[in-house]
Each structure stands twice: as structure tokens, then as C-alpha cells.
Amino acid sequence: MAQNWDRFLTSADRGVFGDGGIGEGPAAVRKRVLDAMDHLGPGLSDVVMRVCCFLEGIESVERRLGWSARSGKVVLKIGLQRLLEFYQTHHGLVPAMIE
């Protein structure tokens, strides 16, 4: 028994499900992220992307954006709350726990 590795890690098999599930491919994922960042707007999306995606420290983000100390934490919290609201209303997300 042998495995055919010719198309391994290629985009040839992606996007075949058509039901909005896992197989929808990178283009759909990119669109969802862009839609979420558009929903947040420029100020909130900058902080959320830098901290959550680029793993930049909150103090570093505050310095780069010229904000006062501890203001980034407040803005990040607001951004994450709006992001949760976006995914709940647009994608039916039901979080396991909200504190």
C-alpha cells in the first residue's frame, strides 16, 4: 500500500466542500479576517492585530502608537469585546466562557 504525495500541501484539494466549513480555503479565511478588522476600525484593529497576531507586547504597542502607559490595555479590551460581538453576530460564534 502506498500513499500518493504528489499534491501534498498544495491548494489543489482545498475549497471542495462548499458548505462554508474547513475546506473553504485561504481566500475565505482572509476575507473573514479583513471583515473583522474593518468592523473594528483603524484604531482598534491596529492594537488587536499587533498584540494578538504579531504577539507584540502591550507596552511596545503603546510606545509605537504614542499612547500613554496603560491606555493600550483599555483599547485592547474594547477591541476584543467588539471582535467577539462581530463573530457572534456574523458567524454564529458561541463562546465557551465569557468573563
Protein backbone atom coordinates (compact mmCIF):
# COMPACT_ATOMS: atom_id res chain seq x y z
CA MET A 1 0.00 0.00 0.00
CA ALA A 2 1.46 3.37 -0.99
CA GLN A 3 0.44 6.96 -0.39
CA ASN A 4 0.27 9.44 -3.27
CA TRP A 5 2.19 12.54 -2.12
CA ASP A 6 2.08 14.39 -5.45
CA ARG A 7 -0.43 17.01 -4.30
CA PHE A 8 0.52 17.16 -0.62
CA LEU A 9 0.44 20.72 0.79
CA THR A 10 -0.89 22.21 -2.43
CA SER A 11 -4.08 24.17 -2.90
CA ALA A 12 -5.47 21.62 -5.35
CA ASP A 13 -7.76 19.90 -2.81
CA ARG A 14 -8.86 22.96 -0.89
CA GLY A 15 -12.25 24.57 -1.23
CA VAL A 16 -14.07 21.44 -2.33
CA PHE A 17 -16.61 21.20 0.47
CA GLY A 18 -18.61 24.30 -0.48
CA ASP A 19 -20.53 24.28 2.80
CA GLY A 20 -18.56 27.06 4.48
CA GLY A 21 -16.65 24.53 6.55
CA ILE A 22 -12.98 23.83 6.97
CA GLY A 23 -12.40 23.26 3.24
CA GLU A 24 -13.31 26.77 2.18
CA GLY A 25 -9.68 27.72 1.77
CA PRO A 26 -7.35 30.60 2.50
CA ALA A 27 -9.27 33.20 0.48
CA ALA A 28 -12.36 32.83 2.69
CA VAL A 29 -10.26 33.00 5.84
CA ARG A 30 -8.53 36.14 4.59
CA LYS A 31 -11.93 37.70 3.84
CA ARG A 32 -13.24 36.89 7.34
CA VAL A 33 -10.19 38.49 8.96
CA LEU A 34 -10.43 41.58 6.77
CA ASP A 35 -14.15 41.89 7.51
CA ALA A 36 -13.44 41.64 11.25
CA MET A 37 -10.68 44.28 11.05
CA ASP A 38 -12.97 46.58 9.02
CA HIS A 39 -15.62 46.14 11.71
CA LEU A 40 -13.14 47.19 14.40
CA GLY A 41 -11.88 50.23 12.53
CA PRO A 42 -8.34 51.60 12.29
CA GLY A 43 -7.61 52.31 15.99
CA LEU A 44 -8.93 49.08 17.46
CA SER A 45 -7.75 46.83 14.64
CA ASP A 46 -4.17 48.15 14.95
CA VAL A 47 -3.97 47.16 18.60
CA VAL A 48 -5.73 43.80 18.17
CA MET A 49 -3.51 42.81 15.21
CA ARG A 50 -0.28 43.89 16.89
CA VAL A 51 -1.00 42.15 20.20
CA CYS A 52 -2.94 39.06 19.12
CA CYS A 53 -1.47 38.29 15.70
CA PHE A 54 2.05 39.76 15.78
CA LEU A 55 2.49 38.94 19.51
CA GLU A 56 3.80 42.42 20.26
CA GLY A 57 3.75 43.41 23.93
CA ILE A 58 1.16 45.96 25.02
CA GLU A 59 3.86 48.33 26.31
CA SER A 60 5.61 48.21 22.95
CA VAL A 61 2.34 48.93 21.14
CA GLU A 62 1.70 51.93 23.39
CA ARG A 63 5.17 53.31 22.63
CA ARG A 64 4.88 52.76 18.87
CA LEU A 65 1.47 54.41 18.72
CA GLY A 66 2.49 57.26 21.05
CA TRP A 67 -0.08 56.42 23.72
CA SER A 68 0.22 56.93 27.46
CA ALA A 69 1.01 53.99 29.74
CA ARG A 70 -1.85 51.56 30.39
CA SER A 71 -4.08 53.07 27.71
CA GLY A 72 -3.32 50.19 25.35
CA LYS A 73 -4.85 47.70 27.79
CA VAL A 74 -8.15 49.60 27.77
CA VAL A 75 -8.19 49.90 23.96
CA LEU A 76 -7.29 46.22 23.55
CA LYS A 77 -10.14 45.20 25.86
CA ILE A 78 -12.63 47.27 23.85
CA GLY A 79 -11.25 45.83 20.60
CA LEU A 80 -11.56 42.25 21.81
CA GLN A 81 -15.12 42.86 23.03
CA ARG A 82 -16.09 44.26 19.61
CA LEU A 83 -14.32 41.35 17.89
CA LEU A 84 -16.34 38.89 19.96
CA GLU A 85 -19.53 40.77 19.08
CA PHE A 86 -18.60 40.64 15.38
CA TYR A 87 -18.03 36.88 15.37
CA GLN A 88 -21.20 36.26 17.38
CA THR A 89 -23.43 38.25 15.04
CA HIS A 90 -21.81 37.45 11.69
CA HIS A 91 -20.59 33.88 12.17
CA GLY A 92 -22.75 32.48 14.98
CA LEU A 93 -19.86 32.07 17.42
CA VAL A 94 -20.96 30.82 20.82
CA PRO A 95 -18.00 31.22 23.20
CA ALA A 96 -17.45 28.59 25.86
CA MET A 97 -16.96 31.17 28.61
CA ILE A 98 -17.01 34.96 28.87
CA GLU A 99 -15.72 36.71 31.96
